[in-house]
Amino acid sequence: MKIEAMRAMKVDELHAELERLRRHLFDLRAQAVTEKLENPMQLGQTKRDIARLLTVLRERGERHIEQRQAHLTARAARR
């Protein structure tokens, strides 16, 4: 994802995308362990996208990003 597209997103959308990318990274790591990962470059790309999202969130003055992510995850699990 391009940084321009990330900057155009709202804060809630950024947090949702961050959660989605972290889950995707987890899945990619699991595939890498079981040797079913077809494109190993996806790991690095996903890590870079996560870093870009965190950068945009910090540029906007977001604090306690990790705590908010944990809260959103717990909230989604309750549903």
PDB file of N, CA and C in Angstrom:
ATOM      1  N   MET A   1       0.846  -1.167   0.000  1.00  0.00           N
ATOM      2  CA  MET A   1       0.000   0.000   0.000  1.00  0.00           C
ATOM      3  C   MET A   1       0.896   1.237   0.000  1.00  0.00           C
ATOM      4  N   LYS A   2       0.506   2.208  -0.737  1.00  0.00           N
ATOM      5  CA  LYS A   2       1.279   3.448  -0.849  1.00  0.00           C
ATOM      6  C   LYS A   2       1.010   4.359   0.348  1.00  0.00           C
ATOM      7  N   ILE A   3       2.007   5.147   0.691  1.00  0.00           N
ATOM      8  CA  ILE A   3       1.896   6.057   1.828  1.00  0.00           C
ATOM      9  C   ILE A   3       0.820   7.119   1.583  1.00  0.00           C
ATOM     10  N   GLU A   4       0.629   7.520   0.336  1.00  0.00           N
ATOM     11  CA  GLU A   4      -0.403   8.516   0.031  1.00  0.00           C
ATOM     12  C   GLU A   4      -1.785   7.970   0.359  1.00  0.00           C
ATOM     13  N   ALA A   5      -2.002   6.700   0.047  1.00  0.00           N
ATOM     14  CA  ALA A   5      -3.294   6.081   0.346  1.00  0.00           C
ATOM     15  C   ALA A   5      -3.509   5.980   1.853  1.00  0.00           C
ATOM     16  N   MET A   6      -2.436   5.697   2.573  1.00  0.00           N
ATOM     17  CA  MET A   6      -2.546   5.608   4.028  1.00  0.00           C
ATOM     18  C   MET A   6      -2.856   6.963   4.643  1.00  0.00           C
ATOM     19  N   ARG A   7      -2.239   7.998   4.115  1.00  0.00           N
ATOM     20  CA  ARG A   7      -2.479   9.337   4.659  1.00  0.00           C
ATOM     21  C   ARG A   7      -3.899   9.817   4.372  1.00  0.00           C
ATOM     22  N   ALA A   8      -4.539   9.266   3.361  1.00  0.00           N
ATOM     23  CA  ALA A   8      -5.907   9.652   3.023  1.00  0.00           C
ATOM     24  C   ALA A   8      -6.939   8.939   3.902  1.00  0.00           C
ATOM     25  N   MET A   9      -6.501   7.926   4.651  1.00  0.00           N
ATOM     26  CA  MET A   9      -7.423   7.156   5.485  1.00  0.00           C
ATOM     27  C   MET A   9      -7.687   7.865   6.807  1.00  0.00           C
ATOM     28  N   LYS A  10      -8.840   7.554   7.399  1.00  0.00           N
ATOM     29  CA  LYS A  10      -9.175   8.073   8.720  1.00  0.00           C
ATOM     30  C   LYS A  10      -8.454   7.243   9.773  1.00  0.00           C
ATOM     31  N   VAL A  11      -8.394   7.765  10.989  1.00  0.00           N
ATOM     32  CA  VAL A  11      -7.662   7.097  12.064  1.00  0.00           C
ATOM     33  C   VAL A  11      -8.245   5.709  12.348  1.00  0.00           C
ATOM     34  N   ASP A  12      -9.553   5.596  12.392  1.00  0.00           N
ATOM     35  CA  ASP A  12     -10.173   4.294  12.651  1.00  0.00           C
ATOM     36  C   ASP A  12      -9.851   3.299  11.543  1.00  0.00           C
ATOM     37  N   GLU A  13      -9.837   3.776  10.313  1.00  0.00           N
ATOM     38  CA  GLU A  13      -9.489   2.910   9.188  1.00  0.00           C
ATOM     39  C   GLU A  13      -8.034   2.461   9.276  1.00  0.00           C
ATOM     40  N   LEU A  14      -7.160   3.365   9.730  1.00  0.00           N
ATOM     41  CA  LEU A  14      -5.751   3.015   9.894  1.00  0.00           C
ATOM     42  C   LEU A  14      -5.577   1.925  10.945  1.00  0.00           C
ATOM     43  N   HIS A  15      -6.309   2.037  12.037  1.00  0.00           N
ATOM     44  CA  HIS A  15      -6.214   1.021  13.084  1.00  0.00           C
ATOM     45  C   HIS A  15      -6.740  -0.324  12.584  1.00  0.00           C
ATOM     46  N   ALA A  16      -7.812  -0.294  11.821  1.00  0.00           N
ATOM     47  CA  ALA A  16      -8.360  -1.539  11.270  1.00  0.00           C
ATOM     48  C   ALA A  16      -7.378  -2.169  10.286  1.00  0.00           C
ATOM     49  N   GLU A  17      -6.761  -1.354   9.463  1.00  0.00           N
ATOM     50  CA  GLU A  17      -5.778  -1.852   8.497  1.00  0.00           C
ATOM     51  C   GLU A  17      -4.547  -2.403   9.217  1.00  0.00           C
ATOM     52  N   LEU A  18      -4.141  -1.754  10.287  1.00  0.00           N
ATOM     53  CA  LEU A  18      -3.007  -2.234  11.072  1.00  0.00           C
ATOM     54  C   LEU A  18      -3.315  -3.609  11.657  1.00  0.00           C
ATOM     55  N   GLU A  19      -4.498  -3.773  12.176  1.00  0.00           N
ATOM     56  CA  GLU A  19      -4.911  -5.078  12.714  1.00  0.00           C
ATOM     57  C   GLU A  19      -4.914  -6.137  11.607  1.00  0.00           C
ATOM     58  N   ARG A  20      -5.440  -5.787  10.448  1.00  0.00           N
ATOM     59  CA  ARG A  20      -5.490  -6.733   9.336  1.00  0.00           C
ATOM     60  C   ARG A  20      -4.080  -7.141   8.898  1.00  0.00           C
ATOM     61  N   LEU A  21      -3.177  -6.177   8.816  1.00  0.00           N
ATOM     62  CA  LEU A  21      -1.809  -6.470   8.398  1.00  0.00           C
ATOM     63  C   LEU A  21      -1.065  -7.310   9.426  1.00  0.00           C
ATOM     64  N   ARG A  22      -1.317  -7.066  10.695  1.00  0.00           N
ATOM     65  CA  ARG A  22      -0.663  -7.881  11.725  1.00  0.00           C
ATOM     66  C   ARG A  22      -1.147  -9.327  11.676  1.00  0.00           C
ATOM     67  N   ARG A  23      -2.422  -9.511  11.437  1.00  0.00           N
ATOM     68  CA  ARG A  23      -2.933 -10.886  11.276  1.00  0.00           C
ATOM     69  C   ARG A  23      -2.343 -11.547  10.037  1.00  0.00           C
ATOM     70  N   HIS A  24      -2.227 -10.771   8.970  1.00  0.00           N
ATOM     71  CA  HIS A  24      -1.649 -11.287   7.728  1.00  0.00           C
ATOM     72  C   HIS A  24      -0.187 -11.685   7.945  1.00  0.00           C
ATOM     73  N   LEU A  25       0.560 -10.866   8.681  1.00  0.00           N
ATOM     74  CA  LEU A  25       1.956 -11.181   8.984  1.00  0.00           C
ATOM     75  C   LEU A  25       2.046 -12.456   9.806  1.00  0.00           C
ATOM     76  N   PHE A  26       1.147 -12.633  10.757  1.00  0.00           N
ATOM     77  CA  PHE A  26       1.116 -13.853  11.550  1.00  0.00           C
ATOM     78  C   PHE A  26       0.891 -15.066  10.656  1.00  0.00           C
ATOM     79  N   ASP A  27      -0.064 -14.952   9.735  1.00  0.00           N
ATOM     80  CA  ASP A  27      -0.344 -16.048   8.804  1.00  0.00           C
ATOM     81  C   ASP A  27       0.858 -16.337   7.910  1.00  0.00           C
ATOM     82  N   LEU A  28       1.523 -15.299   7.450  1.00  0.00           N
ATOM     83  CA  LEU A  28       2.703 -15.490   6.605  1.00  0.00           C
ATOM     84  C   LEU A  28       3.819 -16.198   7.368  1.00  0.00           C
ATOM     85  N   ARG A  29       3.999 -15.822   8.616  1.00  0.00           N
ATOM     86  CA  ARG A  29       5.031 -16.485   9.426  1.00  0.00           C
ATOM     87  C   ARG A  29       4.700 -17.956   9.626  1.00  0.00           C
ATOM     88  N   ALA A  30       3.430 -18.249   9.841  1.00  0.00           N
ATOM     89  CA  ALA A  30       3.017 -19.651   9.990  1.00  0.00           C
ATOM     90  C   ALA A  30       3.278 -20.428   8.701  1.00  0.00           C
ATOM     91  N   GLN A  31       3.004 -19.816   7.566  1.00  0.00           N
ATOM     92  CA  GLN A  31       3.275 -20.459   6.284  1.00  0.00           C
ATOM     93  C   GLN A  31       4.763 -20.666   6.077  1.00  0.00           C
ATOM     94  N   ALA A  32       5.567 -19.719   6.527  1.00  0.00           N
ATOM     95  CA  ALA A  32       7.018 -19.838   6.370  1.00  0.00           C
ATOM     96  C   ALA A  32       7.554 -21.002   7.190  1.00  0.00           C
ATOM     97  N   VAL A  33       7.003 -21.206   8.375  1.00  0.00           N
ATOM     98  CA  VAL A  33       7.454 -22.298   9.231  1.00  0.00           C
ATOM     99  C   VAL A  33       7.091 -23.641   8.614  1.00  0.00           C
ATOM    100  N   THR A  34       5.916 -23.724   8.030  1.00  0.00           N
ATOM    101  CA  THR A  34       5.487 -24.989   7.435  1.00  0.00           C
ATOM    102  C   THR A  34       5.956 -25.138   5.992  1.00  0.00           C
ATOM    103  N   GLU A  35       6.762 -24.184   5.541  1.00  0.00           N
ATOM    104  CA  GLU A  35       7.341 -24.200   4.197  1.00  0.00           C
ATOM    105  C   GLU A  35       6.286 -24.180   3.090  1.00  0.00           C
ATOM    106  N   LYS A  36       5.187 -23.492   3.340  1.00  0.00           N
ATOM    107  CA  LYS A  36       4.139 -23.347   2.325  1.00  0.00           C
ATOM    108  C   LYS A  36       4.067 -21.932   1.766  1.00  0.00           C
ATOM    109  N   LEU A  37       5.026 -21.107   2.144  1.00  0.00           N
ATOM    110  CA  LEU A  37       5.044 -19.721   1.694  1.00  0.00           C
ATOM    111  C   LEU A  37       5.612 -19.671   0.285  1.00  0.00           C
ATOM    112  N   GLU A  38       4.809 -19.204  -0.647  1.00  0.00           N
ATOM    113  CA  GLU A  38       5.225 -19.171  -2.049  1.00  0.00           C
ATOM    114  C   GLU A  38       6.136 -17.991  -2.353  1.00  0.00           C
ATOM    115  N   ASN A  39       5.840 -16.841  -1.758  1.00  0.00           N
ATOM    116  CA  ASN A  39       6.623 -15.644  -2.037  1.00  0.00           C
ATOM    117  C   ASN A  39       7.172 -15.080  -0.727  1.00  0.00           C
ATOM    118  N   PRO A  40       8.439 -15.368  -0.400  1.00  0.00           N
ATOM    119  CA  PRO A  40       9.002 -14.900   0.858  1.00  0.00           C
ATOM    120  C   PRO A  40       9.117 -13.377   0.945  1.00  0.00           C
ATOM    121  N   MET A  41       9.046 -12.689  -0.180  1.00  0.00           N
ATOM    122  CA  MET A  41       9.121 -11.230  -0.167  1.00  0.00           C
ATOM    123  C   MET A  41       7.893 -10.606   0.495  1.00  0.00           C
ATOM    124  N   GLN A  42       6.810 -11.366   0.611  1.00  0.00           N
ATOM    125  CA  GLN A  42       5.602 -10.855   1.252  1.00  0.00           C
ATOM    126  C   GLN A  42       5.850 -10.513   2.721  1.00  0.00           C
ATOM    127  N   LEU A  43       6.727 -11.265   3.376  1.00  0.00           N
ATOM    128  CA  LEU A  43       7.043 -10.987   4.777  1.00  0.00           C
ATOM    129  C   LEU A  43       7.606  -9.577   4.931  1.00  0.00           C
ATOM    130  N   GLY A  44       8.606  -9.257   4.160  1.00  0.00           N
ATOM    131  CA  GLY A  44       9.227  -7.943   4.239  1.00  0.00           C
ATOM    132  C   GLY A  44       8.273  -6.833   3.844  1.00  0.00           C
ATOM    133  N   GLN A  45       7.483  -7.064   2.815  1.00  0.00           N
ATOM    134  CA  GLN A  45       6.528  -6.053   2.348  1.00  0.00           C
ATOM    135  C   GLN A  45       5.473  -5.757   3.414  1.00  0.00           C
ATOM    136  N   THR A  46       4.995  -6.805   4.064  1.00  0.00           N
ATOM    137  CA  THR A  46       3.986  -6.623   5.100  1.00  0.00           C
ATOM    138  C   THR A  46       4.574  -5.874   6.289  1.00  0.00           C
ATOM    139  N   LYS A  47       5.810  -6.202   6.661  1.00  0.00           N
ATOM    140  CA  LYS A  47       6.465  -5.485   7.755  1.00  0.00           C
ATOM    141  C   LYS A  47       6.625  -4.005   7.420  1.00  0.00           C
ATOM    142  N   ARG A  48       6.970  -3.708   6.185  1.00  0.00           N
ATOM    143  CA  ARG A  48       7.122  -2.314   5.766  1.00  0.00           C
ATOM    144  C   ARG A  48       5.785  -1.575   5.793  1.00  0.00           C
ATOM    145  N   ASP A  49       4.718  -2.255   5.364  1.00  0.00           N
ATOM    146  CA  ASP A  49       3.394  -1.633   5.401  1.00  0.00           C
ATOM    147  C   ASP A  49       2.973  -1.327   6.836  1.00  0.00           C
ATOM    148  N   ILE A  50       3.281  -2.232   7.755  1.00  0.00           N
ATOM    149  CA  ILE A  50       2.970  -2.000   9.169  1.00  0.00           C
ATOM    150  C   ILE A  50       3.742  -0.786   9.668  1.00  0.00           C
ATOM    151  N   ALA A  51       5.021  -0.704   9.312  1.00  0.00           N
ATOM    152  CA  ALA A  51       5.833   0.439   9.731  1.00  0.00           C
ATOM    153  C   ALA A  51       5.293   1.738   9.151  1.00  0.00           C
ATOM    154  N   ARG A  52       4.846   1.711   7.910  1.00  0.00           N
ATOM    155  CA  ARG A  52       4.272   2.915   7.295  1.00  0.00           C
ATOM    156  C   ARG A  52       3.009   3.362   8.036  1.00  0.00           C
ATOM    157  N   LEU A  53       2.157   2.387   8.364  1.00  0.00           N
ATOM    158  CA  LEU A  53       0.928   2.718   9.093  1.00  0.00           C
ATOM    159  C   LEU A  53       1.246   3.316  10.457  1.00  0.00           C
ATOM    160  N   LEU A  54       2.210   2.739  11.157  1.00  0.00           N
ATOM    161  CA  LEU A  54       2.589   3.274  12.459  1.00  0.00           C
ATOM    162  C   LEU A  54       3.151   4.683  12.323  1.00  0.00           C
ATOM    163  N   THR A  55       3.898   4.925  11.267  1.00  0.00           N
ATOM    164  CA  THR A  55       4.449   6.256  11.024  1.00  0.00           C
ATOM    165  C   THR A  55       3.328   7.267  10.813  1.00  0.00           C
ATOM    166  N   VAL A  56       2.342   6.923  10.004  1.00  0.00           N
ATOM    167  CA  VAL A  56       1.221   7.835   9.745  1.00  0.00           C
ATOM    168  C   VAL A  56       0.451   8.107  11.036  1.00  0.00           C
ATOM    169  N   LEU A  57       0.224   7.055  11.822  1.00  0.00           N
ATOM    170  CA  LEU A  57      -0.486   7.247  13.087  1.00  0.00           C
ATOM    171  C   LEU A  57       0.297   8.165  14.019  1.00  0.00           C
ATOM    172  N   ARG A  58       1.594   7.999  14.073  1.00  0.00           N
ATOM    173  CA  ARG A  58       2.413   8.852  14.949  1.00  0.00           C
ATOM    174  C   ARG A  58       2.488  10.279  14.419  1.00  0.00           C
ATOM    175  N   GLU A  59       2.473  10.434  13.096  1.00  0.00           N
ATOM    176  CA  GLU A  59       2.445  11.783  12.525  1.00  0.00           C
ATOM    177  C   GLU A  59       1.191  12.533  12.939  1.00  0.00           C
ATOM    178  N   ARG A  60       0.109  11.792  13.097  1.00  0.00           N
ATOM    179  CA  ARG A  60      -1.162  12.414  13.474  1.00  0.00           C
ATOM    180  C   ARG A  60      -1.282  12.612  14.980  1.00  0.00           C
ATOM    181  N   GLY A  61      -0.245  12.264  15.698  1.00  0.00           N
ATOM    182  CA  GLY A  61      -0.251  12.485  17.134  1.00  0.00           C
ATOM    183  C   GLY A  61      -0.930  11.399  17.936  1.00  0.00           C
ATOM    184  N   GLU A  62      -1.142  10.253  17.347  1.00  0.00           N
ATOM    185  CA  GLU A  62      -1.765   9.145  18.071  1.00  0.00           C
ATOM    186  C   GLU A  62      -0.807   8.647  19.144  1.00  0.00           C
ATOM    187  N   ARG A  63      -1.341   8.419  20.303  1.00  0.00           N
ATOM    188  CA  ARG A  63      -0.549   7.869  21.403  1.00  0.00           C
ATOM    189  C   ARG A  63      -1.166   6.558  21.840  1.00  0.00           C
ATOM    190  N   HIS A  64      -0.371   5.742  22.454  1.00  0.00           N
ATOM    191  CA  HIS A  64      -0.830   4.462  22.991  1.00  0.00           C
ATOM    192  C   HIS A  64      -1.459   3.603  21.898  1.00  0.00           C
ATOM    193  N   ILE A  65      -0.780   3.509  20.779  1.00  0.00           N
ATOM    194  CA  ILE A  65      -1.281   2.759  19.631  1.00  0.00           C
ATOM    195  C   ILE A  65      -1.448   1.287  19.980  1.00  0.00           C
ATOM    196  N   GLU A  66      -0.460   0.732  20.675  1.00  0.00           N
ATOM    197  CA  GLU A  66      -0.513  -0.683  21.029  1.00  0.00           C
ATOM    198  C   GLU A  66      -1.666  -0.966  21.982  1.00  0.00           C
ATOM    199  N   GLN A  67      -1.931  -0.075  22.922  1.00  0.00           N
ATOM    200  CA  GLN A  67      -3.033  -0.280  23.850  1.00  0.00           C
ATOM    201  C   GLN A  67      -4.371  -0.218  23.132  1.00  0.00           C
ATOM    202  N   ARG A  68      -4.475   0.681  22.181  1.00  0.00           N
ATOM    203  CA  ARG A  68      -5.731   0.785  21.430  1.00  0.00           C
ATOM    204  C   ARG A  68      -5.944  -0.456  20.584  1.00  0.00           C
ATOM    205  N   GLN A  69      -4.868  -0.971  19.997  1.00  0.00           N
ATOM    206  CA  GLN A  69      -4.981  -2.194  19.207  1.00  0.00           C
ATOM    207  C   GLN A  69      -5.445  -3.356  20.079  1.00  0.00           C
ATOM    208  N   ALA A  70      -4.901  -3.462  21.286  1.00  0.00           N
ATOM    209  CA  ALA A  70      -5.300  -4.533  22.203  1.00  0.00           C
ATOM    210  C   ALA A  70      -6.767  -4.380  22.585  1.00  0.00           C
ATOM    211  N   HIS A  71      -7.201  -3.147  22.792  1.00  0.00           N
ATOM    212  CA  HIS A  71      -8.595  -2.891  23.129  1.00  0.00           C
ATOM    213  C   HIS A  71      -9.521  -3.281  21.978  1.00  0.00           C
ATOM    214  N   LEU A  72      -9.151  -2.905  20.761  1.00  0.00           N
ATOM    215  CA  LEU A  72      -9.976  -3.239  19.601  1.00  0.00           C
ATOM    216  C   LEU A  72     -10.034  -4.744  19.374  1.00  0.00           C
ATOM    217  N   THR A  73      -8.923  -5.420  19.608  1.00  0.00           N
ATOM    218  CA  THR A  73      -8.877  -6.868  19.437  1.00  0.00           C
ATOM    219  C   THR A  73      -9.772  -7.547  20.466  1.00  0.00           C
ATOM    220  N   ALA A  74      -9.689  -7.107  21.702  1.00  0.00           N
ATOM    221  CA  ALA A  74     -10.523  -7.687  22.766  1.00  0.00           C
ATOM    222  C   ALA A  74     -11.996  -7.419  22.505  1.00  0.00           C
ATOM    223  N   ARG A  75     -12.285  -6.241  22.011  1.00  0.00           N
ATOM    224  CA  ARG A  75     -13.669  -5.882  21.702  1.00  0.00           C
ATOM    225  C   ARG A  75     -14.221  -6.747  20.577  1.00  0.00           C
ATOM    226  N   ALA A  76     -13.413  -6.994  19.572  1.00  0.00           N
ATOM    227  CA  ALA A  76     -13.854  -7.831  18.446  1.00  0.00           C
ATOM    228  C   ALA A  76     -14.031  -9.280  18.892  1.00  0.00           C
ATOM    229  N   ALA A  77     -13.224  -9.725  19.831  1.00  0.00           N
ATOM    230  CA  ALA A  77     -13.337 -11.105  20.308  1.00  0.00           C
ATOM    231  C   ALA A  77     -14.619 -11.332  21.088  1.00  0.00           C
ATOM    232  N   ARG A  78     -15.114 -10.291  21.748  1.00  0.00           N
ATOM    233  CA  ARG A  78     -16.348 -10.410  22.511  1.00  0.00           C
ATOM    234  C   ARG A  78     -17.577 -10.558  21.633  1.00  0.00           C
ATOM    235  N   ARG A  79     -17.490 -10.132  20.401  1.00  0.00           N
ATOM    236  CA  ARG A  79     -18.659 -10.157  19.501  1.00  0.00           C
ATOM    237  C   ARG A  79     -18.894 -11.507  18.946  1.00  0.00           C
TER     238      ARG A  79
END
